[in-house]
Amino acid sequence: MFGIKKNTIKSVVFNKNTQAILLISPLVIFLLIFSVYPIFQSFFNAFKVENNTNWRLGFSNFSSLFSKSAFRDALKNSTILFF
């Protein structure tokens, strides 16, 4: 019995948790890279207005978008198709 380590409940639980984390971590990394990051990047780019010298945060992109009749028609058609 000397030299043989008994499996305790704590070590078995730790091994199961470690295995679960190792199996789930590639999925979490994949979701972070291909889902969460693009959402934040598109949100940041939507409000950014670039000039030659500087950039500022603004709603002018959205005001010019909603003022166009083609966009309003496309939004109306998409809403009708969705519902």
PDB file of N, CA and C in Angstrom:
ATOM      1  N   MET A   1       0.804  -1.193   0.000  1.00  0.00           N
ATOM      2  CA  MET A   1       0.000   0.000   0.000  1.00  0.00           C
ATOM      3  C   MET A   1       0.847   1.257   0.000  1.00  0.00           C
ATOM      4  N   PHE A   2       2.112   1.085   0.270  1.00  0.00           N
ATOM      5  CA  PHE A   2       2.966   2.262   0.241  1.00  0.00           C
ATOM      6  C   PHE A   2       3.279   2.615  -1.208  1.00  0.00           C
ATOM      7  N   GLY A   3       3.250   3.895  -1.512  1.00  0.00           N
ATOM      8  CA  GLY A   3       3.559   4.340  -2.863  1.00  0.00           C
ATOM      9  C   GLY A   3       2.359   4.378  -3.789  1.00  0.00           C
ATOM     10  N   ILE A   4       1.250   3.811  -3.386  1.00  0.00           N
ATOM     11  CA  ILE A   4       0.034   3.853  -4.201  1.00  0.00           C
ATOM     12  C   ILE A   4      -0.878   4.918  -3.607  1.00  0.00           C
ATOM     13  N   LYS A   5      -1.233   5.887  -4.426  1.00  0.00           N
ATOM     14  CA  LYS A   5      -2.072   6.979  -3.961  1.00  0.00           C
ATOM     15  C   LYS A   5      -3.533   6.578  -4.119  1.00  0.00           C
ATOM     16  N   LYS A   6      -4.272   6.705  -3.040  1.00  0.00           N
ATOM     17  CA  LYS A   6      -5.699   6.404  -3.101  1.00  0.00           C
ATOM     18  C   LYS A   6      -6.435   7.567  -3.762  1.00  0.00           C
ATOM     19  N   ASN A   7      -7.404   7.224  -4.580  1.00  0.00           N
ATOM     20  CA  ASN A   7      -8.243   8.252  -5.190  1.00  0.00           C
ATOM     21  C   ASN A   7      -9.237   8.743  -4.156  1.00  0.00           C
ATOM     22  N   THR A   8      -9.130   9.978  -3.839  1.00  0.00           N
ATOM     23  CA  THR A   8     -10.098  10.568  -2.929  1.00  0.00           C
ATOM     24  C   THR A   8     -11.208  11.194  -3.751  1.00  0.00           C
ATOM     25  N   ILE A   9     -12.275  11.522  -3.083  1.00  0.00           N
ATOM     26  CA  ILE A   9     -13.423  12.127  -3.770  1.00  0.00           C
ATOM     27  C   ILE A   9     -13.012  13.464  -4.376  1.00  0.00           C
ATOM     28  N   LYS A  10     -12.187  14.209  -3.661  1.00  0.00           N
ATOM     29  CA  LYS A  10     -11.757  15.512  -4.160  1.00  0.00           C
ATOM     30  C   LYS A  10     -10.947  15.380  -5.450  1.00  0.00           C
ATOM     31  N   SER A  11     -10.061  14.423  -5.528  1.00  0.00           N
ATOM     32  CA  SER A  11      -9.250  14.273  -6.737  1.00  0.00           C
ATOM     33  C   SER A  11     -10.081  13.770  -7.911  1.00  0.00           C
ATOM     34  N   VAL A  12     -11.073  12.930  -7.654  1.00  0.00           N
ATOM     35  CA  VAL A  12     -11.943  12.447  -8.733  1.00  0.00           C
ATOM     36  C   VAL A  12     -12.785  13.592  -9.276  1.00  0.00           C
ATOM     37  N   VAL A  13     -13.328  14.434  -8.395  1.00  0.00           N
ATOM     38  CA  VAL A  13     -14.124  15.577  -8.834  1.00  0.00           C
ATOM     39  C   VAL A  13     -13.244  16.552  -9.606  1.00  0.00           C
ATOM     40  N   PHE A  14     -12.042  16.778  -9.139  1.00  0.00           N
ATOM     41  CA  PHE A  14     -11.126  17.675  -9.842  1.00  0.00           C
ATOM     42  C   PHE A  14     -10.817  17.148 -11.236  1.00  0.00           C
ATOM     43  N   ASN A  15     -10.629  15.873 -11.355  1.00  0.00           N
ATOM     44  CA  ASN A  15     -10.340  15.291 -12.665  1.00  0.00           C
ATOM     45  C   ASN A  15     -11.526  15.424 -13.613  1.00  0.00           C
ATOM     46  N   LYS A  16     -12.755  15.249 -13.107  1.00  0.00           N
ATOM     47  CA  LYS A  16     -13.943  15.410 -13.953  1.00  0.00           C
ATOM     48  C   LYS A  16     -14.111  16.862 -14.375  1.00  0.00           C
ATOM     49  N   ASN A  17     -13.869  17.789 -13.449  1.00  0.00           N
ATOM     50  CA  ASN A  17     -13.981  19.209 -13.795  1.00  0.00           C
ATOM     51  C   ASN A  17     -12.917  19.609 -14.805  1.00  0.00           C
ATOM     52  N   THR A  18     -11.726  19.114 -14.626  1.00  0.00           N
ATOM     53  CA  THR A  18     -10.650  19.424 -15.560  1.00  0.00           C
ATOM     54  C   THR A  18     -10.961  18.879 -16.944  1.00  0.00           C
ATOM     55  N   GLN A  19     -11.480  17.689 -16.997  1.00  0.00           N
ATOM     56  CA  GLN A  19     -11.830  17.089 -18.282  1.00  0.00           C
ATOM     57  C   GLN A  19     -12.945  17.886 -18.956  1.00  0.00           C
ATOM     58  N   ALA A  20     -13.934  18.312 -18.180  1.00  0.00           N
ATOM     59  CA  ALA A  20     -15.032  19.094 -18.752  1.00  0.00           C
ATOM     60  C   ALA A  20     -14.531  20.433 -19.288  1.00  0.00           C
ATOM     61  N   ILE A  21     -13.657  21.072 -18.547  1.00  0.00           N
ATOM     62  CA  ILE A  21     -13.113  22.358 -18.993  1.00  0.00           C
ATOM     63  C   ILE A  21     -12.294  22.184 -20.262  1.00  0.00           C
ATOM     64  N   LEU A  22     -11.510  21.140 -20.318  1.00  0.00           N
ATOM     65  CA  LEU A  22     -10.697  20.904 -21.512  1.00  0.00           C
ATOM     66  C   LEU A  22     -11.556  20.586 -22.734  1.00  0.00           C
ATOM     67  N   LEU A  23     -12.676  19.930 -22.533  1.00  0.00           N
ATOM     68  CA  LEU A  23     -13.544  19.600 -23.664  1.00  0.00           C
ATOM     69  C   LEU A  23     -14.363  20.797 -24.142  1.00  0.00           C
ATOM     70  N   ILE A  24     -14.732  21.677 -23.232  1.00  0.00           N
ATOM     71  CA  ILE A  24     -15.577  22.813 -23.580  1.00  0.00           C
ATOM     72  C   ILE A  24     -14.763  24.014 -24.054  1.00  0.00           C
ATOM     73  N   SER A  25     -13.516  24.126 -23.644  1.00  0.00           N
ATOM     74  CA  SER A  25     -12.723  25.314 -23.961  1.00  0.00           C
ATOM     75  C   SER A  25     -12.557  25.582 -25.461  1.00  0.00           C
ATOM     76  N   PRO A  26     -12.381  24.599 -26.340  1.00  0.00           N
ATOM     77  CA  PRO A  26     -12.302  24.948 -27.773  1.00  0.00           C
ATOM     78  C   PRO A  26     -13.585  25.588 -28.299  1.00  0.00           C
ATOM     79  N   LEU A  27     -14.733  25.123 -27.825  1.00  0.00           N
ATOM     80  CA  LEU A  27     -15.999  25.713 -28.246  1.00  0.00           C
ATOM     81  C   LEU A  27     -16.118  27.150 -27.761  1.00  0.00           C
ATOM     82  N   VAL A  28     -15.740  27.392 -26.531  1.00  0.00           N
ATOM     83  CA  VAL A  28     -15.817  28.746 -25.982  1.00  0.00           C
ATOM     84  C   VAL A  28     -14.880  29.680 -26.741  1.00  0.00           C
ATOM     85  N   ILE A  29     -13.687  29.228 -27.027  1.00  0.00           N
ATOM     86  CA  ILE A  29     -12.738  30.046 -27.787  1.00  0.00           C
ATOM     87  C   ILE A  29     -13.278  30.316 -29.191  1.00  0.00           C
ATOM     88  N   PHE A  30     -13.850  29.316 -29.830  1.00  0.00           N
ATOM     89  CA  PHE A  30     -14.438  29.481 -31.159  1.00  0.00           C
ATOM     90  C   PHE A  30     -15.561  30.512 -31.131  1.00  0.00           C
ATOM     91  N   LEU A  31     -16.450  30.424 -30.135  1.00  0.00           N
ATOM     92  CA  LEU A  31     -17.549  31.379 -30.040  1.00  0.00           C
ATOM     93  C   LEU A  31     -17.052  32.792 -29.784  1.00  0.00           C
ATOM     94  N   LEU A  32     -16.041  32.926 -28.953  1.00  0.00           N
ATOM     95  CA  LEU A  32     -15.507  34.253 -28.686  1.00  0.00           C
ATOM     96  C   LEU A  32     -14.894  34.868 -29.933  1.00  0.00           C
ATOM     97  N   ILE A  33     -14.174  34.076 -30.686  1.00  0.00           N
ATOM     98  CA  ILE A  33     -13.498  34.611 -31.866  1.00  0.00           C
ATOM     99  C   ILE A  33     -14.485  34.915 -32.988  1.00  0.00           C
ATOM    100  N   PHE A  34     -15.421  34.024 -33.239  1.00  0.00           N
ATOM    101  CA  PHE A  34     -16.270  34.156 -34.422  1.00  0.00           C
ATOM    102  C   PHE A  34     -17.676  34.686 -34.140  1.00  0.00           C
ATOM    103  N   SER A  35     -18.036  34.920 -32.888  1.00  0.00           N
ATOM    104  CA  SER A  35     -19.362  35.465 -32.594  1.00  0.00           C
ATOM    105  C   SER A  35     -19.293  36.758 -31.801  1.00  0.00           C
ATOM    106  N   VAL A  36     -18.664  36.712 -30.668  1.00  0.00           N
ATOM    107  CA  VAL A  36     -18.692  37.854 -29.763  1.00  0.00           C
ATOM    108  C   VAL A  36     -17.837  39.005 -30.293  1.00  0.00           C
ATOM    109  N   TYR A  37     -16.641  38.722 -30.733  1.00  0.00           N
ATOM    110  CA  TYR A  37     -15.765  39.780 -31.248  1.00  0.00           C
ATOM    111  C   TYR A  37     -16.374  40.515 -32.447  1.00  0.00           C
ATOM    112  N   PRO A  38     -16.936  39.837 -33.439  1.00  0.00           N
ATOM    113  CA  PRO A  38     -17.549  40.583 -34.558  1.00  0.00           C
ATOM    114  C   PRO A  38     -18.732  41.448 -34.135  1.00  0.00           C
ATOM    115  N   ILE A  39     -19.477  41.024 -33.126  1.00  0.00           N
ATOM    116  CA  ILE A  39     -20.597  41.841 -32.653  1.00  0.00           C
ATOM    117  C   ILE A  39     -20.084  43.157 -32.091  1.00  0.00           C
ATOM    118  N   PHE A  40     -19.082  43.092 -31.228  1.00  0.00           N
ATOM    119  CA  PHE A  40     -18.528  44.316 -30.659  1.00  0.00           C
ATOM    120  C   PHE A  40     -17.823  45.167 -31.717  1.00  0.00           C
ATOM    121  N   GLN A  41     -17.151  44.535 -32.642  1.00  0.00           N
ATOM    122  CA  GLN A  41     -16.464  45.276 -33.692  1.00  0.00           C
ATOM    123  C   GLN A  41     -17.464  45.984 -34.601  1.00  0.00           C
ATOM    124  N   SER A  42     -18.559  45.334 -34.956  1.00  0.00           N
ATOM    125  CA  SER A  42     -19.554  45.982 -35.815  1.00  0.00           C
ATOM    126  C   SER A  42     -20.272  47.104 -35.076  1.00  0.00           C
ATOM    127  N   PHE A  43     -20.507  46.929 -33.772  1.00  0.00           N
ATOM    128  CA  PHE A  43     -21.111  48.005 -32.984  1.00  0.00           C
ATOM    129  C   PHE A  43     -20.187  49.217 -32.953  1.00  0.00           C
ATOM    130  N   PHE A  44     -18.902  48.983 -32.763  1.00  0.00           N
ATOM    131  CA  PHE A  44     -17.937  50.085 -32.748  1.00  0.00           C
ATOM    132  C   PHE A  44     -17.860  50.766 -34.111  1.00  0.00           C
ATOM    133  N   ASN A  45     -17.828  49.995 -35.173  1.00  0.00           N
ATOM    134  CA  ASN A  45     -17.723  50.569 -36.517  1.00  0.00           C
ATOM    135  C   ASN A  45     -18.994  51.282 -36.950  1.00  0.00           C
ATOM    136  N   ALA A  46     -20.137  50.905 -36.399  1.00  0.00           N
ATOM    137  CA  ALA A  46     -21.393  51.532 -36.794  1.00  0.00           C
ATOM    138  C   ALA A  46     -21.460  52.985 -36.351  1.00  0.00           C
ATOM    139  N   PHE A  47     -20.848  53.300 -35.227  1.00  0.00           N
ATOM    140  CA  PHE A  47     -20.922  54.660 -34.711  1.00  0.00           C
ATOM    141  C   PHE A  47     -19.693  55.500 -35.048  1.00  0.00           C
ATOM    142  N   LYS A  48     -18.724  54.933 -35.729  1.00  0.00           N
ATOM    143  CA  LYS A  48     -17.491  55.658 -36.023  1.00  0.00           C
ATOM    144  C   LYS A  48     -17.645  56.460 -37.307  1.00  0.00           C
ATOM    145  N   VAL A  49     -17.276  57.706 -37.243  1.00  0.00           N
ATOM    146  CA  VAL A  49     -17.281  58.586 -38.406  1.00  0.00           C
ATOM    147  C   VAL A  49     -15.839  59.000 -38.649  1.00  0.00           C
ATOM    148  N   GLU A  50     -15.313  58.676 -39.820  1.00  0.00           N
ATOM    149  CA  GLU A  50     -13.909  58.985 -40.107  1.00  0.00           C
ATOM    150  C   GLU A  50     -13.797  60.174 -41.046  1.00  0.00           C
ATOM    151  N   ASN A  51     -12.899  61.031 -40.712  1.00  0.00           N
ATOM    152  CA  ASN A  51     -12.490  62.123 -41.592  1.00  0.00           C
ATOM    153  C   ASN A  51     -11.027  61.900 -41.930  1.00  0.00           C
ATOM    154  N   ASN A  52     -10.468  62.805 -42.684  1.00  0.00           N
ATOM    155  CA  ASN A  52      -9.050  62.666 -43.012  1.00  0.00           C
ATOM    156  C   ASN A  52      -8.159  62.884 -41.799  1.00  0.00           C
ATOM    157  N   THR A  53      -8.580  63.738 -40.889  1.00  0.00           N
ATOM    158  CA  THR A  53      -7.715  64.091 -39.765  1.00  0.00           C
ATOM    159  C   THR A  53      -8.054  63.354 -38.484  1.00  0.00           C
ATOM    160  N   ASN A  54      -9.320  63.148 -38.208  1.00  0.00           N
ATOM    161  CA  ASN A  54      -9.698  62.514 -36.938  1.00  0.00           C
ATOM    162  C   ASN A  54     -10.979  61.715 -37.112  1.00  0.00           C
ATOM    163  N   TRP A  55     -11.337  61.002 -36.068  1.00  0.00           N
ATOM    164  CA  TRP A  55     -12.601  60.281 -36.081  1.00  0.00           C
ATOM    165  C   TRP A  55     -13.377  60.665 -34.839  1.00  0.00           C
ATOM    166  N   ARG A  56     -14.691  60.552 -34.947  1.00  0.00           N
ATOM    167  CA  ARG A  56     -15.545  60.882 -33.808  1.00  0.00           C
ATOM    168  C   ARG A  56     -16.691  59.889 -33.751  1.00  0.00           C
ATOM    169  N   LEU A  57     -17.367  59.906 -32.650  1.00  0.00           N
ATOM    170  CA  LEU A  57     -18.481  59.001 -32.425  1.00  0.00           C
ATOM    171  C   LEU A  57     -19.761  59.754 -32.755  1.00  0.00           C
ATOM    172  N   GLY A  58     -20.649  59.167 -33.568  1.00  0.00           N
ATOM    173  CA  GLY A  58     -21.845  59.901 -33.915  1.00  0.00           C
ATOM    174  C   GLY A  58     -22.932  59.050 -34.519  1.00  0.00           C
ATOM    175  N   PHE A  59     -24.103  59.666 -34.623  1.00  0.00           N
ATOM    176  CA  PHE A  59     -25.269  59.013 -35.192  1.00  0.00           C
ATOM    177  C   PHE A  59     -25.518  59.452 -36.626  1.00  0.00           C
ATOM    178  N   SER A  60     -24.579  60.160 -37.231  1.00  0.00           N
ATOM    179  CA  SER A  60     -24.804  60.654 -38.592  1.00  0.00           C
ATOM    180  C   SER A  60     -24.911  59.510 -39.595  1.00  0.00           C
ATOM    181  N   ASN A  61     -24.249  58.395 -39.321  1.00  0.00           N
ATOM    182  CA  ASN A  61     -24.384  57.227 -40.201  1.00  0.00           C
ATOM    183  C   ASN A  61     -25.831  56.746 -40.230  1.00  0.00           C
ATOM    184  N   PHE A  62     -26.454  56.699 -39.057  1.00  0.00           N
ATOM    185  CA  PHE A  62     -27.823  56.203 -38.979  1.00  0.00           C
ATOM    186  C   PHE A  62     -28.826  57.220 -39.507  1.00  0.00           C
ATOM    187  N   SER A  63     -28.586  58.494 -39.272  1.00  0.00           N
ATOM    188  CA  SER A  63     -29.528  59.495 -39.781  1.00  0.00           C
ATOM    189  C   SER A  63     -29.512  59.534 -41.307  1.00  0.00           C
ATOM    190  N   SER A  64     -28.343  59.382 -41.907  1.00  0.00           N
ATOM    191  CA  SER A  64     -28.306  59.351 -43.376  1.00  0.00           C
ATOM    192  C   SER A  64     -28.905  58.054 -43.917  1.00  0.00           C
ATOM    193  N   LEU A  65     -28.782  56.979 -43.171  1.00  0.00           N
ATOM    194  CA  LEU A  65     -29.333  55.698 -43.604  1.00  0.00           C
ATOM    195  C   LEU A  65     -30.859  55.723 -43.588  1.00  0.00           C
ATOM    196  N   PHE A  66     -31.444  56.235 -42.502  1.00  0.00           N
ATOM    197  CA  PHE A  66     -32.901  56.253 -42.400  1.00  0.00           C
ATOM    198  C   PHE A  66     -33.541  57.321 -43.279  1.00  0.00           C
ATOM    199  N   SER A  67     -32.767  58.263 -43.772  1.00  0.00           N
ATOM    200  CA  SER A  67     -33.338  59.286 -44.646  1.00  0.00           C
ATOM    201  C   SER A  67     -33.493  58.796 -46.085  1.00  0.00           C
ATOM    202  N   LYS A  68     -32.890  57.682 -46.426  1.00  0.00           N
ATOM    203  CA  LYS A  68     -32.978  57.154 -47.788  1.00  0.00           C
ATOM    204  C   LYS A  68     -34.216  56.273 -47.935  1.00  0.00           C
ATOM    205  N   SER A  69     -34.963  56.506 -49.002  1.00  0.00           N
ATOM    206  CA  SER A  69     -36.211  55.761 -49.202  1.00  0.00           C
ATOM    207  C   SER A  69     -35.951  54.298 -49.547  1.00  0.00           C
ATOM    208  N   ALA A  70     -34.843  54.005 -50.193  1.00  0.00           N
ATOM    209  CA  ALA A  70     -34.533  52.610 -50.539  1.00  0.00           C
ATOM    210  C   ALA A  70     -34.320  51.776 -49.275  1.00  0.00           C
ATOM    211  N   PHE A  71     -33.681  52.364 -48.282  1.00  0.00           N
ATOM    212  CA  PHE A  71     -33.482  51.634 -47.032  1.00  0.00           C
ATOM    213  C   PHE A  71     -34.803  51.425 -46.307  1.00  0.00           C
ATOM    214  N   ARG A  72     -35.643  52.450 -46.286  1.00  0.00           N
ATOM    215  CA  ARG A  72     -36.944  52.301 -45.621  1.00  0.00           C
ATOM    216  C   ARG A  72     -37.782  51.224 -46.297  1.00  0.00           C
ATOM    217  N   ASP A  73     -37.754  51.175 -47.625  1.00  0.00           N
ATOM    218  CA  ASP A  73     -38.491  50.133 -48.347  1.00  0.00           C
ATOM    219  C   ASP A  73     -37.927  48.747 -48.042  1.00  0.00           C
ATOM    220  N   ALA A  74     -36.615  48.630 -48.009  1.00  0.00           N
ATOM    221  CA  ALA A  74     -35.992  47.338 -47.706  1.00  0.00           C
ATOM    222  C   ALA A  74     -36.299  46.904 -46.281  1.00  0.00           C
ATOM    223  N   LEU A  75     -36.297  47.851 -45.351  1.00  0.00           N
ATOM    224  CA  LEU A  75     -36.620  47.534 -43.958  1.00  0.00           C
ATOM    225  C   LEU A  75     -38.077  47.101 -43.821  1.00  0.00           C
ATOM    226  N   LYS A  76     -38.961  47.777 -44.532  1.00  0.00           N
ATOM    227  CA  LYS A  76     -40.382  47.414 -44.502  1.00  0.00           C
ATOM    228  C   LYS A  76     -40.590  46.016 -45.080  1.00  0.00           C
ATOM    229  N   ASN A  77     -39.961  45.722 -46.210  1.00  0.00           N
ATOM    230  CA  ASN A  77     -40.100  44.399 -46.827  1.00  0.00           C
ATOM    231  C   ASN A  77     -39.515  43.300 -45.942  1.00  0.00           C
ATOM    232  N   SER A  78     -38.389  43.569 -45.319  1.00  0.00           N
ATOM    233  CA  SER A  78     -37.789  42.571 -44.424  1.00  0.00           C
ATOM    234  C   SER A  78     -38.664  42.312 -43.212  1.00  0.00           C
ATOM    235  N   THR A  79     -39.271  43.371 -42.686  1.00  0.00           N
ATOM    236  CA  THR A  79     -40.161  43.209 -41.536  1.00  0.00           C
ATOM    237  C   THR A  79     -41.384  42.395 -41.913  1.00  0.00           C
ATOM    238  N   ILE A  80     -41.949  42.653 -43.081  1.00  0.00           N
ATOM    239  CA  ILE A  80     -43.120  41.890 -43.535  1.00  0.00           C
ATOM    240  C   ILE A  80     -42.762  40.425 -43.731  1.00  0.00           C
ATOM    241  N   LEU A  81     -41.610  40.153 -44.332  1.00  0.00           N
ATOM    242  CA  LEU A  81     -41.198  38.763 -44.541  1.00  0.00           C
ATOM    243  C   LEU A  81     -40.894  38.048 -43.226  1.00  0.00           C
ATOM    244  N   PHE A  82     -40.379  38.783 -42.260  1.00  0.00           N
ATOM    245  CA  PHE A  82     -40.036  38.174 -40.974  1.00  0.00           C
ATOM    246  C   PHE A  82     -41.281  37.767 -40.205  1.00  0.00           C
ATOM    247  N   PHE A  83     -42.308  38.641 -40.222  1.00  0.00           N
ATOM    248  CA  PHE A  83     -43.523  38.331 -39.464  1.00  0.00           C
ATOM    249  C   PHE A  83     -44.521  37.679 -40.377  1.00  0.00           C
TER     250      PHE A  83
END
